[in-house]
Amino acid sequence: MKTIVHTCSSVLVRPNGIVRYMNTVMDLQRSQGHHVVFVTDANPTQKISADETIFLNLESRYRPNLKDGHVWLQVDRDVVYDVEVAFRRLDVEPDLVIAHDLHSFLGCEDKFRNCIFVQHESDVMNGDGRYSFLSDEYLQEQIDIANTTGCRIGMCAPYSHQVAPYRPVYTPPPTTLEPYTVTEKTRGLLYIGDTTDRKGAREFMTMARALGVTPSVITHEVNSDVFAGADIHTFKLHERAEMFKLISECNVAFIPSKNECFSLAIIECAQFIPTVVDSQYQWTEHVEDLGVLRATGAELYTVIDAELKSTVPYDRRPLEMWAHRSQELWINLTT
């Protein structure tokens, strides 16, 4: 048994993909018999799948930076210091430390012999435009570290268009697929995501109207005018079975994101139904091996329309092979 430490600052411990990613990795490592510890600066506001959680403060000392009407994430040295102090409460030398954001990496850099800094931010991984909430200074510091550090850099995608680390290691989300059964299709087109420009919600709704269909939408922005005319649903983390049931009832998912590090929504959809992405964006190169359909321009309409009308049984074998490898990669990292 090994002691594995995950660390992420409270700034990014929110209902997001990073927490879901961390928990899937922790669940896999615990199933292998390892002792998993989570270290952060403040009491986590989300459920963390660790055996033990170490934090310094009851509440985060981070204060957001509002600029041009938008909240930008900047590097806060107080948060870095609090992560560093929290690490002093570890009573063992960890076999592996996995940092999931810049604050936590800066709080443990050069303090442990075996450290991986996982890159979750799409703007770090791809050159598909500037969509994240990271300030310019934050983004540049993370890119500089990814390109220069002697620690291993975890890549959620096989390669990057933005960074070239000295010691890259492929760290996709370790995926255990839900059982697949043939389900009666009572819904048509599906979207999962919010209304930010990066996610492409407006492009999705334009496509739905062009196809003349009432789409199903899974989002936490249930009152947004962007989704006017859609069949809108929202699910909590403990309602995944209900969410998967709805996904399986659809004919096809269209995920028109413009920039992703690695989209968990893609995996959630592709477990059950054909999934389409817009191939003009660099990040979509990374999901083709999962069996995802890539098209752009007028071809997008043709591909989605064909899947809406198709009666051919869905073949998810490419995703099954990818999921098996994703677990093997993480198991090898902790062997």
C-alpha atoms as a PDB file:
ATOM      1  CA  MET A   1       0.000   0.000   0.000  1.00  0.00           C
ATOM      2  CA  LYS A   2       1.215   3.493  -0.871  1.00  0.00           C
ATOM      3  CA  THR A   3       0.298   6.892   0.492  1.00  0.00           C
ATOM      4  CA  ILE A   4      -0.941   9.118  -2.306  1.00  0.00           C
ATOM      5  CA  VAL A   5      -1.676  12.796  -1.719  1.00  0.00           C
ATOM      6  CA  HIS A   6      -3.973  14.847  -3.926  1.00  0.00           C
ATOM      7  CA  THR A   7      -3.969  18.597  -3.520  1.00  0.00           C
ATOM      8  CA  CYS A   8      -6.089  21.412  -4.932  1.00  0.00           C
ATOM      9  CA  SER A   9      -6.706  24.856  -3.522  1.00  0.00           C
ATOM     10  CA  SER A  10     -10.134  25.785  -2.218  1.00  0.00           C
ATOM     11  CA  VAL A  11     -10.354  28.272  -5.096  1.00  0.00           C
ATOM     12  CA  LEU A  12     -11.168  25.416  -7.492  1.00  0.00           C
ATOM     13  CA  VAL A  13     -12.914  22.984  -5.133  1.00  0.00           C
ATOM     14  CA  ARG A  14     -16.348  23.711  -6.548  1.00  0.00           C
ATOM     15  CA  PRO A  15     -19.047  21.722  -8.401  1.00  0.00           C
ATOM     16  CA  ASN A  16     -16.828  21.314 -11.452  1.00  0.00           C
ATOM     17  CA  GLY A  17     -14.980  18.839 -13.630  1.00  0.00           C
ATOM     18  CA  ILE A  18     -11.769  19.077 -11.597  1.00  0.00           C
ATOM     19  CA  VAL A  19     -13.466  17.703  -8.469  1.00  0.00           C
ATOM     20  CA  ARG A  20     -15.174  14.959 -10.475  1.00  0.00           C
ATOM     21  CA  TYR A  21     -11.825  14.071 -12.053  1.00  0.00           C
ATOM     22  CA  MET A  22     -10.031  14.002  -8.689  1.00  0.00           C
ATOM     23  CA  ASN A  23     -12.690  11.785  -7.172  1.00  0.00           C
ATOM     24  CA  THR A  24     -12.525   9.235  -9.995  1.00  0.00           C
ATOM     25  CA  VAL A  25      -8.739   9.013  -9.597  1.00  0.00           C
ATOM     26  CA  MET A  26      -9.051   8.696  -5.800  1.00  0.00           C
ATOM     27  CA  ASP A  27     -11.727   6.007  -6.101  1.00  0.00           C
ATOM     28  CA  LEU A  28      -9.486   3.967  -8.397  1.00  0.00           C
ATOM     29  CA  GLN A  29      -6.446   4.349  -6.130  1.00  0.00           C
ATOM     30  CA  ARG A  30      -8.402   3.407  -3.014  1.00  0.00           C
ATOM     31  CA  SER A  31      -9.763   0.338  -4.825  1.00  0.00           C
ATOM     32  CA  GLN A  32      -6.137  -0.676  -5.378  1.00  0.00           C
ATOM     33  CA  GLY A  33      -5.541  -0.576  -1.616  1.00  0.00           C
ATOM     34  CA  HIS A  34      -3.682   2.750  -1.449  1.00  0.00           C
ATOM     35  CA  HIS A  35      -4.173   5.295   1.331  1.00  0.00           C
ATOM     36  CA  VAL A  36      -5.382   8.553  -0.235  1.00  0.00           C
ATOM     37  CA  VAL A  37      -5.029  11.942   1.469  1.00  0.00           C
ATOM     38  CA  PHE A  38      -6.417  15.278   0.259  1.00  0.00           C
ATOM     39  CA  VAL A  39      -4.566  18.460   1.255  1.00  0.00           C
ATOM     40  CA  THR A  40      -5.985  21.949   0.737  1.00  0.00           C
ATOM     41  CA  ASP A  41      -5.940  25.397   2.298  1.00  0.00           C
ATOM     42  CA  ALA A  42      -9.557  25.507   3.539  1.00  0.00           C
ATOM     43  CA  ASN A  43     -12.358  23.154   4.507  1.00  0.00           C
ATOM     44  CA  PRO A  44     -13.645  21.626   1.221  1.00  0.00           C
ATOM     45  CA  THR A  45     -17.150  22.625   0.201  1.00  0.00           C
ATOM     46  CA  GLN A  46     -17.527  19.511  -1.986  1.00  0.00           C
ATOM     47  CA  LYS A  47     -17.445  15.780  -1.235  1.00  0.00           C
ATOM     48  CA  ILE A  48     -13.886  14.499  -1.666  1.00  0.00           C
ATOM     49  CA  SER A  49     -13.302  10.738  -2.060  1.00  0.00           C
ATOM     50  CA  ALA A  50     -10.184  10.617   0.130  1.00  0.00           C
ATOM     51  CA  ASP A  51      -9.466   8.501   3.200  1.00  0.00           C
ATOM     52  CA  GLU A  52      -8.268  11.613   5.006  1.00  0.00           C
ATOM     53  CA  THR A  53      -8.571  15.363   4.413  1.00  0.00           C
ATOM     54  CA  ILE A  54      -6.113  17.930   5.761  1.00  0.00           C
ATOM     55  CA  PHE A  55      -6.855  21.661   5.653  1.00  0.00           C
ATOM     56  CA  LEU A  56      -5.742  24.795   7.453  1.00  0.00           C
ATOM     57  CA  ASN A  57      -8.659  27.252   7.556  1.00  0.00           C
ATOM     58  CA  LEU A  58     -12.404  26.852   7.907  1.00  0.00           C
ATOM     59  CA  GLU A  59     -12.899  29.313   5.047  1.00  0.00           C
ATOM     60  CA  SER A  60     -10.692  30.256   2.116  1.00  0.00           C
ATOM     61  CA  ARG A  61      -8.735  33.491   2.307  1.00  0.00           C
ATOM     62  CA  TYR A  62      -9.032  33.953  -1.457  1.00  0.00           C
ATOM     63  CA  ARG A  63     -10.774  37.098  -2.662  1.00  0.00           C
ATOM     64  CA  PRO A  64     -11.790  37.197  -6.345  1.00  0.00           C
ATOM     65  CA  ASN A  65     -10.538  39.865  -8.689  1.00  0.00           C
ATOM     66  CA  LEU A  66     -13.321  41.634 -10.605  1.00  0.00           C
ATOM     67  CA  LYS A  67     -12.141  43.251 -13.829  1.00  0.00           C
ATOM     68  CA  ASP A  68     -14.215  44.447 -16.771  1.00  0.00           C
ATOM     69  CA  GLY A  69     -17.336  42.920 -15.208  1.00  0.00           C
ATOM     70  CA  HIS A  70     -15.769  39.448 -15.008  1.00  0.00           C
ATOM     71  CA  VAL A  71     -14.208  37.496 -12.147  1.00  0.00           C
ATOM     72  CA  TRP A  72     -10.628  36.612 -13.044  1.00  0.00           C
ATOM     73  CA  LEU A  73      -8.539  34.080 -11.145  1.00  0.00           C
ATOM     74  CA  GLN A  74      -5.219  35.494 -10.041  1.00  0.00           C
ATOM     75  CA  VAL A  75      -2.391  33.892  -8.080  1.00  0.00           C
ATOM     76  CA  ASP A  76      -2.903  34.603  -4.380  1.00  0.00           C
ATOM     77  CA  ARG A  77       0.264  34.087  -2.328  1.00  0.00           C
ATOM     78  CA  ASP A  78      -1.779  33.789   0.881  1.00  0.00           C
ATOM     79  CA  VAL A  79      -3.539  30.715  -0.559  1.00  0.00           C
ATOM     80  CA  VAL A  80      -0.190  29.267  -1.663  1.00  0.00           C
ATOM     81  CA  TYR A  81       1.181  29.791   1.851  1.00  0.00           C
ATOM     82  CA  ASP A  82      -1.883  28.167   3.456  1.00  0.00           C
ATOM     83  CA  VAL A  83      -1.503  25.085   1.234  1.00  0.00           C
ATOM     84  CA  GLU A  84       2.169  24.908   2.205  1.00  0.00           C
ATOM     85  CA  VAL A  85       1.319  25.084   5.918  1.00  0.00           C
ATOM     86  CA  ALA A  86      -1.397  22.441   5.530  1.00  0.00           C
ATOM     87  CA  PHE A  87       1.195  20.087   4.013  1.00  0.00           C
ATOM     88  CA  ARG A  88       3.255  20.378   7.199  1.00  0.00           C
ATOM     89  CA  ARG A  89       0.471  18.462   8.966  1.00  0.00           C
ATOM     90  CA  LEU A  90       1.228  15.334   6.947  1.00  0.00           C
ATOM     91  CA  ASP A  91       2.660  12.726   9.292  1.00  0.00           C
ATOM     92  CA  VAL A  92       4.186  10.534   6.543  1.00  0.00           C
ATOM     93  CA  GLU A  93       6.337  11.047   3.465  1.00  0.00           C
ATOM     94  CA  PRO A  94       3.930  10.473   0.553  1.00  0.00           C
ATOM     95  CA  ASP A  95       4.872   8.108  -2.233  1.00  0.00           C
ATOM     96  CA  LEU A  96       3.185  10.388  -4.765  1.00  0.00           C
ATOM     97  CA  VAL A  97       1.758  13.925  -4.689  1.00  0.00           C
ATOM     98  CA  ILE A  98      -0.701  14.975  -7.388  1.00  0.00           C
ATOM     99  CA  ALA A  99      -1.417  18.713  -7.676  1.00  0.00           C
ATOM    100  CA  HIS A 100      -4.539  19.792  -9.544  1.00  0.00           C
ATOM    101  CA  ASP A 101      -4.142  23.565  -9.724  1.00  0.00           C
ATOM    102  CA  LEU A 102      -1.455  26.229  -9.713  1.00  0.00           C
ATOM    103  CA  HIS A 103      -1.954  27.343  -6.089  1.00  0.00           C
ATOM    104  CA  SER A 104      -1.577  23.820  -4.743  1.00  0.00           C
ATOM    105  CA  PHE A 105       1.452  23.057  -6.927  1.00  0.00           C
ATOM    106  CA  LEU A 106       3.218  26.213  -5.758  1.00  0.00           C
ATOM    107  CA  GLY A 107       2.446  25.143  -2.184  1.00  0.00           C
ATOM    108  CA  CYS A 108       4.234  21.806  -2.543  1.00  0.00           C
ATOM    109  CA  GLU A 109       6.746  22.358  -5.364  1.00  0.00           C
ATOM    110  CA  ASP A 110      10.228  21.004  -4.608  1.00  0.00           C
ATOM    111  CA  LYS A 111       9.076  19.611  -1.240  1.00  0.00           C
ATOM    112  CA  PHE A 112       8.456  16.016  -2.362  1.00  0.00           C
ATOM    113  CA  ARG A 113      10.479  13.650  -4.478  1.00  0.00           C
ATOM    114  CA  ASN A 114       7.573  12.431  -6.596  1.00  0.00           C
ATOM    115  CA  CYS A 115       5.078  15.045  -7.794  1.00  0.00           C
ATOM    116  CA  ILE A 116       2.729  15.344 -10.770  1.00  0.00           C
ATOM    117  CA  PHE A 117       1.104  18.648 -11.728  1.00  0.00           C
ATOM    118  CA  VAL A 118      -2.065  17.858 -13.728  1.00  0.00           C
ATOM    119  CA  GLN A 119      -3.110  20.426 -16.336  1.00  0.00           C
ATOM    120  CA  HIS A 120      -6.893  20.855 -16.194  1.00  0.00           C
ATOM    121  CA  GLU A 121      -7.196  24.269 -17.859  1.00  0.00           C
ATOM    122  CA  SER A 122      -8.187  24.257 -21.525  1.00  0.00           C
ATOM    123  CA  ASP A 123      -6.298  27.501 -22.243  1.00  0.00           C
ATOM    124  CA  VAL A 124      -3.095  25.791 -21.070  1.00  0.00           C
ATOM    125  CA  MET A 125      -3.599  22.752 -23.299  1.00  0.00           C
ATOM    126  CA  ASN A 126      -5.005  24.192 -26.546  1.00  0.00           C
ATOM    127  CA  GLY A 127      -4.724  27.258 -28.756  1.00  0.00           C
ATOM    128  CA  ASP A 128      -8.450  27.451 -29.471  1.00  0.00           C
ATOM    129  CA  GLY A 129      -8.978  30.954 -28.140  1.00  0.00           C
ATOM    130  CA  ARG A 130      -9.144  32.595 -24.737  1.00  0.00           C
ATOM    131  CA  TYR A 131     -12.162  31.299 -22.849  1.00  0.00           C
ATOM    132  CA  SER A 132     -11.182  30.564 -19.266  1.00  0.00           C
ATOM    133  CA  PHE A 133     -11.556  32.693 -16.150  1.00  0.00           C
ATOM    134  CA  LEU A 134      -7.783  32.675 -15.556  1.00  0.00           C
ATOM    135  CA  SER A 135      -6.121  36.075 -15.494  1.00  0.00           C
ATOM    136  CA  ASP A 136      -3.363  36.652 -18.049  1.00  0.00           C
ATOM    137  CA  GLU A 137      -0.777  36.537 -15.271  1.00  0.00           C
ATOM    138  CA  TYR A 138      -2.140  33.295 -13.804  1.00  0.00           C
ATOM    139  CA  LEU A 139      -2.267  31.607 -17.214  1.00  0.00           C
ATOM    140  CA  GLN A 140       1.246  32.691 -18.173  1.00  0.00           C
ATOM    141  CA  GLU A 141       2.719  31.530 -14.860  1.00  0.00           C
ATOM    142  CA  GLN A 142       1.115  28.110 -15.254  1.00  0.00           C
ATOM    143  CA  ILE A 143       2.323  27.778 -18.866  1.00  0.00           C
ATOM    144  CA  ASP A 144       5.851  28.805 -17.818  1.00  0.00           C
ATOM    145  CA  ILE A 145       5.887  26.217 -15.024  1.00  0.00           C
ATOM    146  CA  ALA A 146       4.507  23.496 -17.298  1.00  0.00           C
ATOM    147  CA  ASN A 147       7.320  24.200 -19.773  1.00  0.00           C
ATOM    148  CA  THR A 148      10.195  24.455 -17.285  1.00  0.00           C
ATOM    149  CA  THR A 149       9.561  22.405 -14.130  1.00  0.00           C
ATOM    150  CA  GLY A 150      11.459  19.208 -13.422  1.00  0.00           C
ATOM    151  CA  CYS A 151       8.291  17.689 -11.950  1.00  0.00           C
ATOM    152  CA  ARG A 152       6.128  15.520 -14.139  1.00  0.00           C
ATOM    153  CA  ILE A 153       3.333  17.350 -15.927  1.00  0.00           C
ATOM    154  CA  GLY A 154       0.044  15.458 -16.132  1.00  0.00           C
ATOM    155  CA  MET A 155      -1.631  15.853 -19.515  1.00  0.00           C
ATOM    156  CA  CYS A 156      -5.368  15.195 -19.567  1.00  0.00           C
ATOM    157  CA  ALA A 157      -5.024  14.912 -23.350  1.00  0.00           C
ATOM    158  CA  PRO A 158      -2.266  12.953 -25.126  1.00  0.00           C
ATOM    159  CA  TYR A 159      -0.528  16.132 -26.301  1.00  0.00           C
ATOM    160  CA  SER A 160      -0.835  19.899 -26.171  1.00  0.00           C
ATOM    161  CA  HIS A 161      -0.793  22.725 -28.704  1.00  0.00           C
ATOM    162  CA  GLN A 162       0.317  25.166 -25.995  1.00  0.00           C
ATOM    163  CA  VAL A 163       2.898  23.544 -23.712  1.00  0.00           C
ATOM    164  CA  ALA A 164       5.885  21.231 -24.200  1.00  0.00           C
ATOM    165  CA  PRO A 165       6.866  19.861 -20.754  1.00  0.00           C
ATOM    166  CA  TYR A 166      10.200  18.192 -20.098  1.00  0.00           C
ATOM    167  CA  ARG A 167       8.494  15.258 -18.366  1.00  0.00           C
ATOM    168  CA  PRO A 168       4.935  14.852 -19.689  1.00  0.00           C
ATOM    169  CA  VAL A 169       2.756  11.965 -18.566  1.00  0.00           C
ATOM    170  CA  TYR A 170      -0.675  11.127 -19.975  1.00  0.00           C
ATOM    171  CA  THR A 171      -3.284  11.369 -17.201  1.00  0.00           C
ATOM    172  CA  PRO A 172      -6.772  10.985 -18.708  1.00  0.00           C
ATOM    173  CA  PRO A 173      -9.746  10.627 -16.363  1.00  0.00           C
ATOM    174  CA  PRO A 174      -9.793   6.942 -15.337  1.00  0.00           C
ATOM    175  CA  THR A 175     -13.157   5.802 -16.557  1.00  0.00           C
ATOM    176  CA  THR A 176     -15.421   2.971 -15.458  1.00  0.00           C
ATOM    177  CA  LEU A 177     -18.261   2.774 -17.951  1.00  0.00           C
ATOM    178  CA  GLU A 178     -21.854   2.193 -16.984  1.00  0.00           C
ATOM    179  CA  PRO A 179     -23.405  -1.071 -18.245  1.00  0.00           C
ATOM    180  CA  TYR A 180     -24.754  -0.634 -21.739  1.00  0.00           C
ATOM    181  CA  THR A 181     -28.255  -1.782 -22.635  1.00  0.00           C
ATOM    182  CA  VAL A 182     -30.351  -1.011 -25.680  1.00  0.00           C
ATOM    183  CA  THR A 183     -32.844   1.673 -24.655  1.00  0.00           C
ATOM    184  CA  GLU A 184     -35.928   2.864 -26.479  1.00  0.00           C
ATOM    185  CA  LYS A 185     -35.235   6.261 -27.993  1.00  0.00           C
ATOM    186  CA  THR A 186     -37.888   8.716 -26.850  1.00  0.00           C
ATOM    187  CA  ARG A 187     -35.762  11.849 -27.232  1.00  0.00           C
ATOM    188  CA  GLY A 188     -33.716  13.290 -30.082  1.00  0.00           C
ATOM    189  CA  LEU A 189     -30.834  15.749 -29.756  1.00  0.00           C
ATOM    190  CA  LEU A 190     -28.925  16.246 -26.476  1.00  0.00           C
ATOM    191  CA  TYR A 191     -26.666  18.968 -25.051  1.00  0.00           C
ATOM    192  CA  ILE A 192     -24.756  18.953 -21.746  1.00  0.00           C
ATOM    193  CA  GLY A 193     -23.218  22.187 -20.499  1.00  0.00           C
ATOM    194  CA  ASP A 194     -23.700  25.795 -19.481  1.00  0.00           C
ATOM    195  CA  THR A 195     -24.270  28.957 -21.517  1.00  0.00           C
ATOM    196  CA  THR A 196     -20.714  30.281 -21.567  1.00  0.00           C
ATOM    197  CA  ASP A 197     -19.317  31.104 -24.993  1.00  0.00           C
ATOM    198  CA  ARG A 198     -16.722  28.330 -24.661  1.00  0.00           C
ATOM    199  CA  LYS A 199     -19.370  25.611 -24.374  1.00  0.00           C
ATOM    200  CA  GLY A 200     -21.204  26.641 -27.536  1.00  0.00           C
ATOM    201  CA  ALA A 201     -24.761  26.579 -26.184  1.00  0.00           C
ATOM    202  CA  ARG A 202     -25.953  29.160 -28.697  1.00  0.00           C
ATOM    203  CA  GLU A 203     -24.460  27.168 -31.551  1.00  0.00           C
ATOM    204  CA  PHE A 204     -26.222  24.092 -30.243  1.00  0.00           C
ATOM    205  CA  MET A 205     -29.609  25.808 -30.122  1.00  0.00           C
ATOM    206  CA  THR A 206     -29.070  27.197 -33.641  1.00  0.00           C
ATOM    207  CA  MET A 207     -28.426  23.649 -34.843  1.00  0.00           C
ATOM    208  CA  ALA A 208     -31.536  22.324 -33.047  1.00  0.00           C
ATOM    209  CA  ARG A 209     -33.710  24.979 -34.702  1.00  0.00           C
ATOM    210  CA  ALA A 210     -32.180  24.257 -38.122  1.00  0.00           C
ATOM    211  CA  LEU A 211     -33.005  20.573 -37.650  1.00  0.00           C
ATOM    212  CA  GLY A 212     -36.502  21.426 -36.487  1.00  0.00           C
ATOM    213  CA  VAL A 213     -36.246  19.443 -33.245  1.00  0.00           C
ATOM    214  CA  THR A 214     -36.937  20.112 -29.580  1.00  0.00           C
ATOM    215  CA  PRO A 215     -33.627  19.279 -27.901  1.00  0.00           C
ATOM    216  CA  SER A 216     -32.976  17.901 -24.431  1.00  0.00           C
ATOM    217  CA  VAL A 217     -30.560  20.005 -22.371  1.00  0.00           C
ATOM    218  CA  ILE A 218     -28.752  19.054 -19.157  1.00  0.00           C
ATOM    219  CA  THR A 219     -27.508  22.198 -17.405  1.00  0.00           C
ATOM    220  CA  HIS A 220     -27.433  24.003 -14.066  1.00  0.00           C
ATOM    221  CA  GLU A 221     -28.655  27.169 -15.843  1.00  0.00           C
ATOM    222  CA  VAL A 222     -32.258  26.048 -16.018  1.00  0.00           C
ATOM    223  CA  ASN A 223     -33.705  29.562 -16.332  1.00  0.00           C
ATOM    224  CA  SER A 224     -31.467  30.813 -19.125  1.00  0.00           C
ATOM    225  CA  ASP A 225     -33.141  32.363 -22.170  1.00  0.00           C
ATOM    226  CA  VAL A 226     -30.440  30.725 -24.310  1.00  0.00           C
ATOM    227  CA  PHE A 227     -32.264  27.404 -23.941  1.00  0.00           C
ATOM    228  CA  ALA A 228     -35.719  28.793 -24.784  1.00  0.00           C
ATOM    229  CA  GLY A 229     -37.779  26.057 -26.384  1.00  0.00           C
ATOM    230  CA  ALA A 230     -35.608  23.200 -25.090  1.00  0.00           C
ATOM    231  CA  ASP A 231     -36.565  20.422 -22.682  1.00  0.00           C
ATOM    232  CA  ILE A 232     -34.321  21.407 -19.766  1.00  0.00           C
ATOM    233  CA  HIS A 233     -33.083  19.128 -16.965  1.00  0.00           C
ATOM    234  CA  THR A 234     -30.647  19.468 -14.089  1.00  0.00           C
ATOM    235  CA  PHE A 235     -29.113  16.763 -11.901  1.00  0.00           C
ATOM    236  CA  LYS A 236     -27.160  16.742  -8.665  1.00  0.00           C
ATOM    237  CA  LEU A 237     -23.996  14.660  -8.265  1.00  0.00           C
ATOM    238  CA  HIS A 238     -25.924  11.874  -6.499  1.00  0.00           C
ATOM    239  CA  GLU A 239     -28.460  11.716  -9.337  1.00  0.00           C
ATOM    240  CA  ARG A 240     -26.129  10.257 -11.950  1.00  0.00           C
ATOM    241  CA  ALA A 241     -28.329   7.195 -12.549  1.00  0.00           C
ATOM    242  CA  GLU A 242     -31.224   9.465 -13.478  1.00  0.00           C
ATOM    243  CA  MET A 243     -28.972  11.540 -15.715  1.00  0.00           C
ATOM    244  CA  PHE A 244     -27.618   8.469 -17.489  1.00  0.00           C
ATOM    245  CA  LYS A 245     -31.166   7.220 -18.078  1.00  0.00           C
ATOM    246  CA  LEU A 246     -32.066  10.479 -19.814  1.00  0.00           C
ATOM    247  CA  ILE A 247     -28.892  10.388 -21.938  1.00  0.00           C
ATOM    248  CA  SER A 248     -29.602   6.823 -23.056  1.00  0.00           C
ATOM    249  CA  GLU A 249     -33.088   7.854 -24.227  1.00  0.00           C
ATOM    250  CA  CYS A 250     -31.630  10.322 -26.754  1.00  0.00           C
ATOM    251  CA  ASN A 251     -30.566   9.573 -30.316  1.00  0.00           C
ATOM    252  CA  VAL A 252     -27.433  11.710 -30.484  1.00  0.00           C
ATOM    253  CA  ALA A 253     -25.475  14.278 -28.454  1.00  0.00           C
ATOM    254  CA  PHE A 254     -23.951  17.410 -29.946  1.00  0.00           C
ATOM    255  CA  ILE A 255     -21.173  18.976 -27.823  1.00  0.00           C
ATOM    256  CA  PRO A 256     -20.062  22.120 -29.737  1.00  0.00           C
ATOM    257  CA  SER A 257     -17.448  23.279 -27.201  1.00  0.00           C
ATOM    258  CA  LYS A 258     -14.760  25.574 -28.598  1.00  0.00           C
ATOM    259  CA  ASN A 259     -12.075  24.667 -26.090  1.00  0.00           C
ATOM    260  CA  GLU A 260     -11.802  21.814 -23.590  1.00  0.00           C
ATOM    261  CA  CYS A 261      -8.939  20.214 -21.723  1.00  0.00           C
ATOM    262  CA  PHE A 262     -10.846  16.948 -21.801  1.00  0.00           C
ATOM    263  CA  SER A 263     -14.617  16.957 -21.708  1.00  0.00           C
ATOM    264  CA  LEU A 264     -16.205  14.661 -19.129  1.00  0.00           C
ATOM    265  CA  ALA A 265     -19.529  15.339 -20.848  1.00  0.00           C
ATOM    266  CA  ILE A 266     -18.148  13.529 -23.895  1.00  0.00           C
ATOM    267  CA  ILE A 267     -17.524  10.378 -21.854  1.00  0.00           C
ATOM    268  CA  GLU A 268     -20.909  10.616 -20.155  1.00  0.00           C
ATOM    269  CA  CYS A 269     -22.693  10.820 -23.500  1.00  0.00           C
ATOM    270  CA  ALA A 270     -20.557   8.412 -25.519  1.00  0.00           C
ATOM    271  CA  GLN A 271     -21.257   5.628 -23.022  1.00  0.00           C
ATOM    272  CA  PHE A 272     -24.776   5.408 -24.429  1.00  0.00           C
ATOM    273  CA  ILE A 273     -25.249   7.317 -27.681  1.00  0.00           C
ATOM    274  CA  PRO A 274     -23.380   8.663 -30.730  1.00  0.00           C
ATOM    275  CA  THR A 275     -21.696  11.955 -29.858  1.00  0.00           C
ATOM    276  CA  VAL A 276     -20.762  14.714 -32.304  1.00  0.00           C
ATOM    277  CA  VAL A 277     -18.218  17.541 -31.917  1.00  0.00           C
ATOM    278  CA  ASP A 278     -17.133  20.439 -34.129  1.00  0.00           C
ATOM    279  CA  SER A 279     -13.821  19.414 -35.721  1.00  0.00           C
ATOM    280  CA  GLN A 280     -12.667  22.993 -36.396  1.00  0.00           C
ATOM    281  CA  TYR A 281     -11.437  23.113 -32.784  1.00  0.00           C
ATOM    282  CA  GLN A 282      -8.099  21.563 -31.758  1.00  0.00           C
ATOM    283  CA  TRP A 283      -9.343  19.827 -28.613  1.00  0.00           C
ATOM    284  CA  THR A 284     -11.630  17.519 -30.607  1.00  0.00           C
ATOM    285  CA  GLU A 285      -8.565  15.704 -31.950  1.00  0.00           C
ATOM    286  CA  HIS A 286      -8.198  14.133 -28.510  1.00  0.00           C
ATOM    287  CA  VAL A 287     -11.635  12.469 -28.429  1.00  0.00           C
ATOM    288  CA  GLU A 288     -11.696  10.852 -31.858  1.00  0.00           C
ATOM    289  CA  ASP A 289     -10.221   7.638 -30.391  1.00  0.00           C
ATOM    290  CA  LEU A 290     -13.313   7.381 -28.171  1.00  0.00           C
ATOM    291  CA  GLY A 291     -15.488   6.848 -31.235  1.00  0.00           C
ATOM    292  CA  VAL A 292     -16.736  10.448 -31.230  1.00  0.00           C
ATOM    293  CA  LEU A 293     -17.883  11.821 -34.590  1.00  0.00           C
ATOM    294  CA  ARG A 294     -16.017  14.931 -35.817  1.00  0.00           C
ATOM    295  CA  ALA A 295     -17.442  17.246 -38.469  1.00  0.00           C
ATOM    296  CA  THR A 296     -17.692  20.951 -39.155  1.00  0.00           C
ATOM    297  CA  GLY A 297     -19.634  23.444 -41.246  1.00  0.00           C
ATOM    298  CA  ALA A 298     -22.513  22.066 -43.315  1.00  0.00           C
ATOM    299  CA  GLU A 299     -21.314  18.524 -42.642  1.00  0.00           C
ATOM    300  CA  LEU A 300     -22.288  18.910 -38.979  1.00  0.00           C
ATOM    301  CA  TYR A 301     -25.954  19.240 -39.943  1.00  0.00           C
ATOM    302  CA  THR A 302     -25.708  16.183 -42.213  1.00  0.00           C
ATOM    303  CA  VAL A 303     -24.015  13.994 -39.580  1.00  0.00           C
ATOM    304  CA  ILE A 304     -26.392  14.952 -36.755  1.00  0.00           C
ATOM    305  CA  ASP A 305     -29.474  14.600 -38.955  1.00  0.00           C
ATOM    306  CA  ALA A 306     -28.335  11.126 -40.018  1.00  0.00           C
ATOM    307  CA  GLU A 307     -27.849  10.036 -36.412  1.00  0.00           C
ATOM    308  CA  LEU A 308     -31.288  11.367 -35.442  1.00  0.00           C
ATOM    309  CA  LYS A 309     -32.818   9.138 -38.122  1.00  0.00           C
ATOM    310  CA  SER A 310     -30.525   6.125 -37.733  1.00  0.00           C
ATOM    311  CA  THR A 311     -31.781   2.735 -36.501  1.00  0.00           C
ATOM    312  CA  VAL A 312     -28.316   1.136 -36.494  1.00  0.00           C
ATOM    313  CA  PRO A 313     -27.335  -0.144 -33.023  1.00  0.00           C
ATOM    314  CA  TYR A 314     -24.717   2.041 -31.304  1.00  0.00           C
ATOM    315  CA  ASP A 315     -21.200   0.570 -31.133  1.00  0.00           C
ATOM    316  CA  ARG A 316     -19.236   1.850 -28.144  1.00  0.00           C
ATOM    317  CA  ARG A 317     -16.275  -0.534 -28.438  1.00  0.00           C
ATOM    318  CA  PRO A 318     -13.785   2.278 -29.191  1.00  0.00           C
ATOM    319  CA  LEU A 319     -14.800   3.962 -25.918  1.00  0.00           C
ATOM    320  CA  GLU A 320     -14.510   0.672 -24.025  1.00  0.00           C
ATOM    321  CA  MET A 321     -10.928   0.202 -25.237  1.00  0.00           C
ATOM    322  CA  TRP A 322     -10.062   3.790 -24.329  1.00  0.00           C
ATOM    323  CA  ALA A 323     -11.633   3.469 -20.864  1.00  0.00           C
ATOM    324  CA  HIS A 324      -9.650   0.286 -20.146  1.00  0.00           C
ATOM    325  CA  ARG A 325      -6.428   2.040 -21.119  1.00  0.00           C
ATOM    326  CA  SER A 326      -7.276   5.131 -19.029  1.00  0.00           C
ATOM    327  CA  GLN A 327      -7.392   2.969 -15.908  1.00  0.00           C
ATOM    328  CA  GLU A 328      -4.206   1.115 -16.825  1.00  0.00           C
ATOM    329  CA  LEU A 329      -2.331   4.399 -17.206  1.00  0.00           C
ATOM    330  CA  TRP A 330      -3.279   5.515 -13.680  1.00  0.00           C
ATOM    331  CA  ILE A 331      -2.593   2.098 -12.153  1.00  0.00           C
ATOM    332  CA  ASN A 332       0.892   2.150 -13.714  1.00  0.00           C
ATOM    333  CA  LEU A 333       1.544   5.608 -12.230  1.00  0.00           C
ATOM    334  CA  THR A 334       1.017   4.249  -8.721  1.00  0.00           C
ATOM    335  CA  THR A 335       2.621   0.810  -9.111  1.00  0.00           C
END
